[in-house]
């Protein structure tokens, strides 16, 4: 499921994230990271806050710089603005509008695969693309945020912090990212099963 979800994530990322917004956020985050790097090196030489030895200060400053880069990038909106081209089944949507599916669809998103019933086919095909877009958006927003927090915690730990357990919590939240990819994969599996299912029979009124 992870590999399937990863393929879907890569395919949908360009539809969910605006490349122009992402480039602007990357340029600003890069500029901030350069400033943070220079300030960190200068202040460490003056105060030694990054730790002692030859390797520890380099690691600390590197984690601080990468963390600043990721956090600043996460602060800028990168999702595509809602427009006429963002439509699913004729309905205008935002990439972050739906992060769940209706109760009828939920059984098809479980760990165990099940065939899609004909009467549920249309609902699955309608809800799953919206769910996938929402999950891709959330993954694209959470990844730089959690990486930035984890790098900040790593910088504190490497610099010689005596209470490491206090700063380990961002690393546990990083496990949310693979789970989101798996959820995208399960949604794609349900979508493919719906495409392979027979459509619900149409009832026609008998003419007298």
N, C-alpha and C. Protein backbone atom coordinates (compact mmCIF):
# COMPACT_ATOMS: atom_id res chain seq x y z
N UNK A 1 0.81 -1.20 0.00
CA UNK A 1 0.00 0.00 0.00
C UNK A 1 0.85 1.27 0.00
N UNK A 2 2.00 1.18 0.66
CA UNK A 2 2.85 2.37 0.71
C UNK A 2 3.33 2.76 -0.68
N UNK A 3 3.80 1.80 -1.46
CA UNK A 3 4.30 2.11 -2.80
C UNK A 3 3.17 2.63 -3.70
N UNK A 4 1.99 2.04 -3.59
CA UNK A 4 0.85 2.51 -4.37
C UNK A 4 0.49 3.94 -3.95
N UNK A 5 0.45 4.18 -2.66
CA UNK A 5 0.15 5.52 -2.18
C UNK A 5 1.20 6.53 -2.59
N UNK A 6 2.47 6.12 -2.61
CA UNK A 6 3.53 7.03 -3.02
C UNK A 6 3.39 7.41 -4.50
N UNK A 7 3.02 6.44 -5.33
CA UNK A 7 2.83 6.74 -6.75
C UNK A 7 1.67 7.73 -6.94
N UNK A 8 0.59 7.52 -6.21
CA UNK A 8 -0.55 8.43 -6.31
C UNK A 8 -0.18 9.81 -5.79
N UNK A 9 0.58 9.85 -4.69
CA UNK A 9 1.01 11.14 -4.15
C UNK A 9 1.83 11.93 -5.16
N UNK A 10 2.75 11.26 -5.81
CA UNK A 10 3.57 11.95 -6.81
C UNK A 10 2.73 12.40 -8.00
N UNK A 11 1.74 11.60 -8.36
CA UNK A 11 0.91 11.97 -9.51
C UNK A 11 -0.01 13.14 -9.21
N UNK A 12 -0.48 13.25 -7.97
CA UNK A 12 -1.44 14.29 -7.61
C UNK A 12 -0.78 15.54 -7.05
N UNK A 13 0.48 15.47 -6.69
CA UNK A 13 1.12 16.61 -6.01
C UNK A 13 1.06 17.87 -6.86
N UNK A 14 1.29 17.73 -8.16
CA UNK A 14 1.25 18.90 -9.02
C UNK A 14 -0.13 19.49 -9.17
N UNK A 15 -1.18 18.69 -8.95
CA UNK A 15 -2.55 19.20 -9.02
C UNK A 15 -2.97 19.87 -7.73
N UNK A 16 -2.35 19.50 -6.62
CA UNK A 16 -2.72 20.03 -5.32
C UNK A 16 -1.86 21.23 -4.93
N UNK A 17 -0.57 21.15 -5.20
CA UNK A 17 0.37 22.21 -4.82
C UNK A 17 0.64 23.09 -6.03
N UNK A 18 0.57 24.38 -5.83
CA UNK A 18 0.86 25.34 -6.88
C UNK A 18 2.37 25.49 -7.02
N UNK A 19 2.97 25.13 -8.16
CA UNK A 19 4.42 25.23 -8.30
C UNK A 19 4.96 26.64 -8.07
N UNK A 20 4.22 27.66 -8.53
CA UNK A 20 4.68 29.04 -8.33
C UNK A 20 4.73 29.39 -6.86
N UNK A 21 3.71 29.02 -6.11
CA UNK A 21 3.71 29.28 -4.67
C UNK A 21 4.82 28.50 -3.97
N UNK A 22 5.02 27.26 -4.39
CA UNK A 22 6.06 26.44 -3.77
C UNK A 22 7.44 27.02 -4.04
N UNK A 23 7.69 27.50 -5.26
CA UNK A 23 8.99 28.11 -5.56
C UNK A 23 9.20 29.38 -4.75
N UNK A 24 8.17 30.19 -4.62
CA UNK A 24 8.31 31.42 -3.83
C UNK A 24 8.61 31.09 -2.37
N UNK A 25 7.90 30.11 -1.83
CA UNK A 25 8.16 29.70 -0.45
C UNK A 25 9.58 29.16 -0.29
N UNK A 26 10.05 28.40 -1.30
CA UNK A 26 11.40 27.84 -1.23
C UNK A 26 12.47 28.93 -1.28
N UNK A 27 12.26 29.95 -2.12
CA UNK A 27 13.23 31.04 -2.20
C UNK A 27 13.30 31.81 -0.88
N UNK A 28 12.16 32.12 -0.31
CA UNK A 28 12.14 32.86 0.95
C UNK A 28 12.74 32.01 2.07
N UNK A 29 12.37 30.74 2.11
CA UNK A 29 12.92 29.85 3.14
C UNK A 29 14.43 29.70 2.99
N UNK A 30 14.91 29.63 1.75
CA UNK A 30 16.34 29.54 1.52
C UNK A 30 17.08 30.77 1.98
N UNK A 31 16.50 31.95 1.73
CA UNK A 31 17.14 33.19 2.18
C UNK A 31 17.19 33.25 3.71
N UNK A 32 16.10 32.86 4.35
CA UNK A 32 16.09 32.85 5.82
C UNK A 32 17.11 31.85 6.35
N UNK A 33 17.21 30.69 5.70
CA UNK A 33 18.17 29.67 6.15
C UNK A 33 19.61 30.17 6.06
N UNK A 34 19.93 30.94 5.01
CA UNK A 34 21.28 31.49 4.88
C UNK A 34 21.57 32.46 6.03
N UNK A 35 20.59 33.30 6.35
CA UNK A 35 20.76 34.24 7.47
C UNK A 35 20.95 33.48 8.78
N UNK A 36 20.13 32.46 8.98
CA UNK A 36 20.24 31.66 10.20
C UNK A 36 21.60 30.98 10.28
N UNK A 37 22.09 30.48 9.16
CA UNK A 37 23.40 29.83 9.15
C UNK A 37 24.50 30.80 9.54
N UNK A 38 24.48 31.99 8.96
CA UNK A 38 25.52 32.98 9.26
C UNK A 38 25.45 33.40 10.72
N UNK A 39 24.26 33.70 11.20
CA UNK A 39 24.10 34.11 12.60
C UNK A 39 24.50 32.99 13.54
N UNK A 40 24.16 31.75 13.22
CA UNK A 40 24.49 30.62 14.09
C UNK A 40 26.00 30.43 14.19
N UNK A 41 26.69 30.53 13.06
CA UNK A 41 28.14 30.35 13.08
C UNK A 41 28.82 31.47 13.87
N UNK A 42 28.39 32.70 13.64
CA UNK A 42 29.01 33.84 14.33
C UNK A 42 28.77 33.77 15.83
N UNK A 43 27.53 33.52 16.23
CA UNK A 43 27.23 33.46 17.66
C UNK A 43 27.88 32.26 18.34
N UNK A 44 28.01 31.15 17.61
CA UNK A 44 28.68 29.99 18.20
C UNK A 44 30.15 30.26 18.45
N UNK A 45 30.78 30.96 17.54
CA UNK A 45 32.19 31.31 17.76
C UNK A 45 32.36 32.24 18.95
N UNK A 46 31.33 33.06 19.20
CA UNK A 46 31.43 34.01 20.31
C UNK A 46 31.03 33.40 21.64
N UNK A 47 30.05 32.49 21.64
CA UNK A 47 29.52 31.97 22.91
C UNK A 47 29.69 30.46 23.06
N UNK A 48 29.86 29.72 21.95
CA UNK A 48 29.98 28.27 22.04
C UNK A 48 28.69 27.56 22.36
N UNK A 49 27.56 28.15 21.98
CA UNK A 49 26.26 27.58 22.32
C UNK A 49 25.98 26.26 21.61
N UNK A 50 26.65 26.00 20.49
CA UNK A 50 26.37 24.80 19.70
C UNK A 50 27.06 23.56 20.22
N UNK A 51 27.80 23.67 21.30
CA UNK A 51 28.46 22.51 21.89
C UNK A 51 29.96 22.55 21.68
N UNK A 52 30.62 21.64 22.34
CA UNK A 52 32.08 21.58 22.27
C UNK A 52 32.52 20.52 21.28
N UNK A 53 33.82 20.55 20.94
CA UNK A 53 34.38 19.57 20.02
C UNK A 53 34.35 20.09 18.59
N UNK A 54 34.72 19.20 17.66
CA UNK A 54 34.77 19.61 16.27
C UNK A 54 33.55 19.23 15.46
N UNK A 55 32.88 18.13 15.85
CA UNK A 55 31.74 17.63 15.07
C UNK A 55 30.42 18.17 15.62
N UNK A 56 30.29 18.26 16.92
CA UNK A 56 29.02 18.66 17.52
C UNK A 56 28.54 20.03 17.06
N UNK A 57 29.38 21.08 17.05
CA UNK A 57 28.89 22.37 16.57
C UNK A 57 28.43 22.33 15.11
N UNK A 58 29.12 21.56 14.27
CA UNK A 58 28.72 21.47 12.86
C UNK A 58 27.35 20.82 12.74
N UNK A 59 27.13 19.76 13.48
CA UNK A 59 25.82 19.09 13.43
C UNK A 59 24.73 19.99 13.97
N UNK A 60 25.00 20.67 15.08
CA UNK A 60 23.99 21.54 15.68
C UNK A 60 23.59 22.66 14.72
N UNK A 61 24.58 23.33 14.16
CA UNK A 61 24.29 24.43 13.24
C UNK A 61 23.58 23.90 11.99
N UNK A 62 23.95 22.73 11.52
CA UNK A 62 23.29 22.16 10.34
C UNK A 62 21.84 21.86 10.62
N UNK A 63 21.55 21.26 11.78
CA UNK A 63 20.16 20.97 12.13
C UNK A 63 19.35 22.25 12.29
N UNK A 64 19.94 23.27 12.90
CA UNK A 64 19.23 24.54 13.07
C UNK A 64 18.92 25.16 11.72
N UNK A 65 19.86 25.11 10.81
CA UNK A 65 19.66 25.71 9.48
C UNK A 65 18.59 24.96 8.70
N UNK A 66 18.67 23.63 8.69
CA UNK A 66 17.67 22.84 7.96
C UNK A 66 16.29 23.01 8.60
N UNK A 67 16.26 23.05 9.94
CA UNK A 67 14.99 23.24 10.63
C UNK A 67 14.36 24.58 10.29
N UNK A 68 15.17 25.64 10.24
CA UNK A 68 14.64 26.95 9.87
C UNK A 68 14.13 26.95 8.44
N UNK A 69 14.85 26.30 7.54
CA UNK A 69 14.42 26.20 6.15
C UNK A 69 13.06 25.53 6.05
N UNK A 70 12.91 24.39 6.73
CA UNK A 70 11.66 23.63 6.64
C UNK A 70 10.50 24.37 7.30
N UNK A 71 10.74 24.98 8.45
CA UNK A 71 9.66 25.67 9.17
C UNK A 71 9.18 26.90 8.41
N UNK A 72 10.10 27.67 7.85
CA UNK A 72 9.68 28.85 7.09
C UNK A 72 8.90 28.43 5.85
N UNK A 73 9.36 27.36 5.19
CA UNK A 73 8.63 26.86 4.02
C UNK A 73 7.22 26.44 4.41
N UNK A 74 7.08 25.81 5.58
CA UNK A 74 5.76 25.34 6.02
C UNK A 74 4.82 26.48 6.36
N UNK A 75 5.35 27.67 6.61
CA UNK A 75 4.50 28.81 6.98
C UNK A 75 3.79 29.43 5.79
N UNK A 76 4.23 29.14 4.58
CA UNK A 76 3.65 29.76 3.40
C UNK A 76 2.63 28.83 2.75
N UNK A 77 1.48 29.37 2.34
CA UNK A 77 0.49 28.53 1.65
C UNK A 77 1.00 28.12 0.27
N UNK A 78 0.87 26.86 -0.03
CA UNK A 78 1.34 26.35 -1.32
C UNK A 78 0.24 25.66 -2.11
N UNK A 79 -0.96 25.52 -1.54
CA UNK A 79 -2.04 24.83 -2.24
C UNK A 79 -2.54 25.69 -3.39
N UNK A 80 -3.00 25.05 -4.42
CA UNK A 80 -3.60 25.76 -5.54
C UNK A 80 -4.88 26.46 -5.09
N UNK A 81 -5.08 27.66 -5.57
CA UNK A 81 -6.32 28.37 -5.29
C UNK A 81 -7.47 27.69 -6.03
N UNK A 82 -8.64 27.71 -5.42
CA UNK A 82 -9.81 27.11 -6.06
C UNK A 82 -10.15 27.87 -7.32
N UNK A 83 -10.28 27.15 -8.41
CA UNK A 83 -10.57 27.78 -9.69
C UNK A 83 -11.46 26.89 -10.53
N UNK A 84 -11.81 27.34 -11.71
CA UNK A 84 -12.70 26.53 -12.57
C UNK A 84 -12.12 25.18 -12.94
N UNK A 85 -10.78 25.06 -12.94
CA UNK A 85 -10.17 23.80 -13.33
C UNK A 85 -10.19 22.78 -12.21
N UNK A 86 -10.44 23.21 -10.98
CA UNK A 86 -10.45 22.28 -9.84
C UNK A 86 -11.88 21.77 -9.63
N UNK A 87 -12.27 20.83 -10.44
CA UNK A 87 -13.61 20.26 -10.35
C UNK A 87 -13.53 18.74 -10.39
N UNK A 88 -14.35 18.12 -9.60
CA UNK A 88 -14.49 16.67 -9.61
C UNK A 88 -15.97 16.36 -9.74
N UNK A 89 -16.30 15.64 -10.78
CA UNK A 89 -17.70 15.34 -11.10
C UNK A 89 -18.51 16.62 -11.24
N UNK A 90 -17.89 17.66 -11.82
CA UNK A 90 -18.59 18.91 -12.05
C UNK A 90 -18.70 19.80 -10.85
N UNK A 91 -18.16 19.39 -9.68
CA UNK A 91 -18.27 20.18 -8.46
C UNK A 91 -16.93 20.85 -8.16
N UNK A 92 -16.95 22.16 -7.92
CA UNK A 92 -15.73 22.89 -7.62
C UNK A 92 -15.25 22.52 -6.22
N UNK A 93 -13.96 22.24 -6.09
CA UNK A 93 -13.42 21.79 -4.81
C UNK A 93 -12.11 22.51 -4.54
N UNK A 94 -11.71 22.46 -3.29
CA UNK A 94 -10.39 22.89 -2.88
C UNK A 94 -9.58 21.64 -2.55
N UNK A 95 -8.25 21.67 -2.70
CA UNK A 95 -7.45 20.48 -2.41
C UNK A 95 -7.56 20.03 -0.95
N UNK A 96 -7.85 20.97 -0.03
CA UNK A 96 -7.89 20.62 1.38
C UNK A 96 -9.32 20.53 1.91
N UNK A 97 -10.30 20.36 1.03
CA UNK A 97 -11.68 20.48 1.47
C UNK A 97 -12.19 19.22 2.16
N UNK A 98 -11.72 18.07 1.76
CA UNK A 98 -12.27 16.82 2.29
C UNK A 98 -11.14 15.91 2.72
N UNK A 99 -11.13 15.55 4.00
CA UNK A 99 -10.13 14.65 4.54
C UNK A 99 -10.77 13.35 5.04
N UNK A 100 -12.02 13.13 4.73
CA UNK A 100 -12.69 11.89 5.10
C UNK A 100 -13.70 11.55 4.02
N UNK A 101 -14.25 10.36 4.11
CA UNK A 101 -15.24 9.91 3.15
C UNK A 101 -16.50 9.52 3.89
N UNK A 102 -17.59 9.40 3.14
CA UNK A 102 -18.85 9.03 3.76
C UNK A 102 -18.80 7.63 4.33
N UNK A 103 -19.70 7.35 5.26
CA UNK A 103 -19.69 6.05 5.96
C UNK A 103 -19.83 4.89 5.00
N UNK A 104 -20.51 5.09 3.87
CA UNK A 104 -20.65 4.02 2.89
C UNK A 104 -19.30 3.63 2.29
N UNK A 105 -18.37 4.60 2.20
CA UNK A 105 -17.07 4.36 1.58
C UNK A 105 -16.06 3.80 2.57
N UNK A 106 -16.25 4.07 3.86
CA UNK A 106 -15.25 3.71 4.86
C UNK A 106 -14.86 2.22 4.85
N UNK A 107 -15.80 1.27 4.70
CA UNK A 107 -15.39 -0.14 4.70
C UNK A 107 -14.40 -0.48 3.58
N UNK A 108 -14.43 0.23 2.49
CA UNK A 108 -13.52 -0.05 1.39
C UNK A 108 -12.14 0.55 1.60
N UNK A 109 -11.98 1.35 2.65
CA UNK A 109 -10.69 1.97 2.96
C UNK A 109 -9.95 1.26 4.08
N UNK A 110 -10.50 0.14 4.55
CA UNK A 110 -9.87 -0.59 5.65
C UNK A 110 -8.66 -1.37 5.16
N UNK A 111 -7.95 -1.98 6.10
CA UNK A 111 -6.74 -2.71 5.75
C UNK A 111 -7.05 -3.89 4.84
N UNK A 112 -8.16 -4.54 5.06
CA UNK A 112 -8.53 -5.72 4.27
C UNK A 112 -9.31 -5.28 3.04
N UNK A 113 -8.89 -5.72 1.89
CA UNK A 113 -9.56 -5.33 0.65
C UNK A 113 -10.88 -6.07 0.51
N UNK A 114 -11.86 -5.37 -0.03
CA UNK A 114 -13.15 -5.99 -0.29
C UNK A 114 -13.68 -5.45 -1.60
N UNK A 115 -14.43 -6.27 -2.34
CA UNK A 115 -14.97 -5.78 -3.63
C UNK A 115 -16.03 -4.71 -3.40
N UNK A 116 -16.10 -3.78 -4.32
CA UNK A 116 -17.05 -2.69 -4.22
C UNK A 116 -18.40 -3.15 -4.76
N UNK A 117 -19.43 -2.98 -3.95
CA UNK A 117 -20.78 -3.35 -4.38
C UNK A 117 -21.25 -2.40 -5.47
N UNK A 118 -22.02 -2.89 -6.41
CA UNK A 118 -22.49 -2.02 -7.50
C UNK A 118 -23.21 -0.76 -7.02
N UNK A 119 -24.00 -0.90 -5.93
CA UNK A 119 -24.73 0.27 -5.44
C UNK A 119 -23.82 1.31 -4.79
N UNK A 120 -22.59 0.92 -4.43
CA UNK A 120 -21.65 1.86 -3.81
C UNK A 120 -20.63 2.41 -4.81
N UNK A 121 -20.67 1.94 -6.02
CA UNK A 121 -19.63 2.29 -6.99
C UNK A 121 -19.56 3.80 -7.23
N UNK A 122 -20.70 4.43 -7.47
CA UNK A 122 -20.70 5.86 -7.79
C UNK A 122 -20.22 6.69 -6.60
N UNK A 123 -20.59 6.30 -5.38
CA UNK A 123 -20.17 7.05 -4.20
C UNK A 123 -18.67 6.93 -3.99
N UNK A 124 -18.12 5.73 -4.19
CA UNK A 124 -16.68 5.54 -4.04
C UNK A 124 -15.92 6.37 -5.06
N UNK A 125 -16.37 6.35 -6.29
CA UNK A 125 -15.69 7.11 -7.33
C UNK A 125 -15.80 8.61 -7.11
N UNK A 126 -16.82 9.06 -6.40
CA UNK A 126 -16.97 10.48 -6.11
C UNK A 126 -16.14 10.91 -4.91
N UNK A 127 -16.15 10.10 -3.84
CA UNK A 127 -15.51 10.51 -2.59
C UNK A 127 -14.01 10.27 -2.58
N UNK A 128 -13.55 9.19 -3.20
CA UNK A 128 -12.13 8.83 -3.11
C UNK A 128 -11.21 9.88 -3.72
N UNK A 129 -11.49 10.43 -4.92
CA UNK A 129 -10.60 11.48 -5.43
C UNK A 129 -10.51 12.69 -4.51
N UNK A 130 -11.64 13.08 -3.89
CA UNK A 130 -11.60 14.19 -2.94
C UNK A 130 -10.76 13.84 -1.73
N UNK A 131 -10.92 12.63 -1.23
CA UNK A 131 -10.14 12.19 -0.08
C UNK A 131 -8.65 12.16 -0.41
N UNK A 132 -8.30 11.65 -1.57
CA UNK A 132 -6.90 11.58 -1.96
C UNK A 132 -6.28 12.97 -2.06
N UNK A 133 -6.99 13.91 -2.63
CA UNK A 133 -6.47 15.27 -2.73
C UNK A 133 -6.26 15.87 -1.35
N UNK A 134 -7.20 15.63 -0.44
CA UNK A 134 -7.05 16.13 0.91
C UNK A 134 -5.86 15.53 1.63
N UNK A 135 -5.63 14.23 1.45
CA UNK A 135 -4.49 13.57 2.08
C UNK A 135 -3.17 14.05 1.49
N UNK A 136 -3.14 14.26 0.17
CA UNK A 136 -1.92 14.78 -0.46
C UNK A 136 -1.62 16.18 0.06
N UNK A 137 -2.65 16.99 0.19
CA UNK A 137 -2.45 18.34 0.74
C UNK A 137 -1.91 18.28 2.17
N UNK A 138 -2.52 17.44 2.99
CA UNK A 138 -2.07 17.35 4.38
C UNK A 138 -0.63 16.84 4.45
N UNK A 139 -0.29 15.87 3.63
CA UNK A 139 1.07 15.34 3.64
C UNK A 139 2.07 16.40 3.20
N UNK A 140 1.71 17.18 2.19
CA UNK A 140 2.62 18.22 1.72
C UNK A 140 2.80 19.33 2.75
N UNK A 141 1.82 19.55 3.63
CA UNK A 141 1.93 20.57 4.67
C UNK A 141 2.63 20.05 5.91
N UNK A 142 2.34 18.81 6.28
CA UNK A 142 2.91 18.27 7.51
C UNK A 142 4.39 17.92 7.37
N UNK A 143 4.80 17.50 6.19
CA UNK A 143 6.19 17.04 6.01
C UNK A 143 7.21 18.12 6.37
N UNK A 144 7.17 19.33 5.78
CA UNK A 144 8.16 20.33 6.18
C UNK A 144 8.02 20.77 7.63
N UNK A 145 6.79 20.81 8.13
CA UNK A 145 6.59 21.23 9.52
C UNK A 145 7.24 20.25 10.49
N UNK A 146 6.95 18.95 10.30
CA UNK A 146 7.50 17.95 11.22
C UNK A 146 9.01 17.80 11.04
N UNK A 147 9.51 17.91 9.81
CA UNK A 147 10.95 17.85 9.60
C UNK A 147 11.64 19.02 10.29
N UNK A 148 11.04 20.21 10.20
CA UNK A 148 11.62 21.37 10.87
C UNK A 148 11.65 21.21 12.38
N UNK A 149 10.55 20.71 12.95
CA UNK A 149 10.52 20.50 14.40
C UNK A 149 11.50 19.41 14.83
N UNK A 150 11.60 18.35 14.03
CA UNK A 150 12.54 17.29 14.36
C UNK A 150 13.98 17.77 14.29
N UNK A 151 14.29 18.60 13.30
CA UNK A 151 15.65 19.15 13.21
C UNK A 151 15.95 20.06 14.39
N UNK A 152 14.97 20.85 14.81
CA UNK A 152 15.18 21.69 15.99
C UNK A 152 15.43 20.86 17.23
N UNK A 153 14.69 19.79 17.40
CA UNK A 153 14.92 18.90 18.54
C UNK A 153 16.28 18.23 18.45
N UNK A 154 16.66 17.81 17.24
CA UNK A 154 17.97 17.18 17.07
C UNK A 154 19.09 18.16 17.41
N UNK A 155 18.90 19.43 17.06
CA UNK A 155 19.92 20.44 17.38
C UNK A 155 20.07 20.58 18.88
N UNK A 156 18.95 20.58 19.59
CA UNK A 156 19.01 20.69 21.06
C UNK A 156 19.70 19.47 21.65
N UNK A 157 19.38 18.29 21.15
CA UNK A 157 19.97 17.06 21.68
C UNK A 157 21.48 17.01 21.40
N UNK A 158 21.87 17.35 20.18
CA UNK A 158 23.28 17.28 19.82
C UNK A 158 24.12 18.30 20.58
N UNK A 159 23.51 19.46 20.87
CA UNK A 159 24.27 20.51 21.54
C UNK A 159 24.55 20.20 23.00
N UNK A 160 23.93 19.13 23.54
CA UNK A 160 24.24 18.73 24.91
C UNK A 160 23.11 18.88 25.88
N UNK A 161 21.85 18.87 25.43
CA UNK A 161 20.71 18.97 26.33
C UNK A 161 20.65 17.75 27.25
N UNK A 162 20.38 17.99 28.54
CA UNK A 162 20.40 16.92 29.55
C UNK A 162 19.06 16.22 29.72
N UNK A 163 18.00 16.72 29.11
CA UNK A 163 16.68 16.10 29.23
C UNK A 163 16.19 15.71 27.83
N UNK A 164 16.75 14.65 27.27
CA UNK A 164 16.43 14.33 25.87
C UNK A 164 14.99 13.93 25.62
N UNK A 165 14.31 13.33 26.62
CA UNK A 165 12.95 12.85 26.39
C UNK A 165 11.99 13.99 26.07
N UNK A 166 12.29 15.18 26.59
CA UNK A 166 11.41 16.33 26.34
C UNK A 166 11.40 16.70 24.86
N UNK A 167 12.48 16.41 24.15
CA UNK A 167 12.63 16.86 22.77
C UNK A 167 12.47 15.74 21.76
N UNK A 168 11.98 14.59 22.20
CA UNK A 168 11.83 13.47 21.28
C UNK A 168 10.45 13.42 20.61
N UNK A 169 9.48 14.21 21.10
CA UNK A 169 8.12 14.07 20.59
C UNK A 169 7.98 14.35 19.10
N UNK A 170 8.75 15.29 18.49
CA UNK A 170 8.56 15.47 17.03
C UNK A 170 8.91 14.24 16.22
N UNK A 171 9.84 13.42 16.73
CA UNK A 171 10.22 12.22 15.98
C UNK A 171 9.08 11.20 15.95
N UNK A 172 8.28 11.16 17.02
CA UNK A 172 7.14 10.24 17.03
C UNK A 172 6.08 10.69 16.03
N UNK A 173 5.89 11.98 15.89
CA UNK A 173 4.91 12.47 14.92
C UNK A 173 5.35 12.23 13.49
N UNK A 174 6.63 12.04 13.26
CA UNK A 174 7.09 11.73 11.91
C UNK A 174 6.49 10.42 11.39
N UNK A 175 6.09 9.53 12.30
CA UNK A 175 5.49 8.28 11.88
C UNK A 175 4.10 8.49 11.27
N UNK A 176 3.52 9.69 11.44
CA UNK A 176 2.25 9.99 10.79
C UNK A 176 2.38 10.06 9.28
N UNK A 177 3.55 10.43 8.80
CA UNK A 177 3.73 10.64 7.37
C UNK A 177 3.60 9.34 6.57
N UNK A 178 4.29 8.24 6.95
CA UNK A 178 4.07 6.99 6.21
C UNK A 178 2.63 6.50 6.29
N UNK A 179 1.95 6.76 7.42
CA UNK A 179 0.57 6.32 7.55
C UNK A 179 -0.33 7.07 6.57
N UNK A 180 -0.07 8.34 6.35
CA UNK A 180 -0.85 9.09 5.36
C UNK A 180 -0.63 8.54 3.96
N UNK A 181 0.60 8.15 3.65
CA UNK A 181 0.88 7.56 2.33
C UNK A 181 0.11 6.24 2.18
N UNK A 182 0.08 5.44 3.24
CA UNK A 182 -0.67 4.18 3.19
C UNK A 182 -2.16 4.44 2.99
N UNK A 183 -2.69 5.47 3.64
CA UNK A 183 -4.11 5.80 3.46
C UNK A 183 -4.40 6.22 2.02
N UNK A 184 -3.48 6.93 1.41
CA UNK A 184 -3.66 7.28 -0.01
C UNK A 184 -3.68 6.02 -0.86
N UNK A 185 -2.79 5.06 -0.53
CA UNK A 185 -2.76 3.81 -1.27
C UNK A 185 -4.04 3.00 -1.11
N UNK A 186 -4.60 2.96 0.10
CA UNK A 186 -5.85 2.23 0.30
C UNK A 186 -7.00 2.90 -0.44
N UNK A 187 -6.98 4.23 -0.47
CA UNK A 187 -8.02 4.93 -1.23
C UNK A 187 -7.90 4.63 -2.72
N UNK A 188 -6.68 4.55 -3.23
CA UNK A 188 -6.50 4.22 -4.64
C UNK A 188 -6.93 2.79 -4.91
N UNK A 189 -6.66 1.89 -4.00
CA UNK A 189 -7.11 0.51 -4.17
C UNK A 189 -8.63 0.45 -4.25
N UNK A 190 -9.30 1.23 -3.40
CA UNK A 190 -10.77 1.27 -3.45
C UNK A 190 -11.26 1.89 -4.76
N UNK A 191 -10.56 2.90 -5.25
CA UNK A 191 -10.97 3.53 -6.51
C UNK A 191 -10.83 2.55 -7.68
N UNK A 192 -9.73 1.81 -7.71
CA UNK A 192 -9.53 0.82 -8.78
C UNK A 192 -10.56 -0.29 -8.70
N UNK A 193 -10.90 -0.69 -7.46
CA UNK A 193 -11.92 -1.72 -7.30
C UNK A 193 -13.28 -1.22 -7.77
N UNK A 194 -13.55 0.06 -7.54
CA UNK A 194 -14.83 0.62 -8.01
C UNK A 194 -14.87 0.70 -9.52
N UNK A 195 -13.75 1.04 -10.13
CA UNK A 195 -13.70 1.07 -11.59
C UNK A 195 -13.93 -0.32 -12.19
N UNK A 196 -13.44 -1.35 -11.49
CA UNK A 196 -13.60 -2.72 -11.99
C UNK A 196 -14.98 -3.30 -11.69
N UNK A 197 -15.72 -2.67 -10.77
CA UNK A 197 -17.03 -3.21 -10.38
C UNK A 197 -18.08 -2.89 -11.44
N UNK A 198 -19.09 -3.71 -11.49
CA UNK A 198 -20.21 -3.45 -12.40
C UNK A 198 -21.04 -2.29 -11.88
N UNK A 199 -21.50 -1.40 -12.74
CA UNK A 199 -22.36 -0.30 -12.28
C UNK A 199 -23.69 -0.83 -11.77
N UNK A 200 -24.31 -0.02 -10.91
CA UNK A 200 -25.61 -0.42 -10.36
C UNK A 200 -26.64 -0.49 -11.49
N UNK A 201 -27.48 -1.50 -11.46
CA UNK A 201 -28.49 -1.62 -12.52
C UNK A 201 -29.47 -0.46 -12.48
N UNK A 202 -29.81 0.03 -13.62
CA UNK A 202 -30.77 1.14 -13.71
C UNK A 202 -32.18 0.57 -13.79
N UNK A 203 -33.05 1.17 -12.99
CA UNK A 203 -34.45 0.72 -13.00
C UNK A 203 -35.26 1.59 -13.91
N UNK A 204 -36.02 0.98 -14.76
CA UNK A 204 -36.87 1.70 -15.71
C UNK A 204 -38.34 1.39 -15.40
N UNK A 205 -39.12 2.43 -15.42
CA UNK A 205 -40.54 2.24 -15.16
C UNK A 205 -41.20 1.56 -16.36
N UNK A 206 -42.04 0.65 -16.03
CA UNK A 206 -42.76 -0.06 -17.09
C UNK A 206 -43.82 0.86 -17.71
N UNK A 207 -43.86 0.85 -19.00
CA UNK A 207 -44.84 1.68 -19.69
C UNK A 207 -46.15 0.92 -19.81
N UNK A 208 -47.30 1.55 -19.60
CA UNK A 208 -48.58 0.82 -19.68
C UNK A 208 -48.90 0.44 -21.11
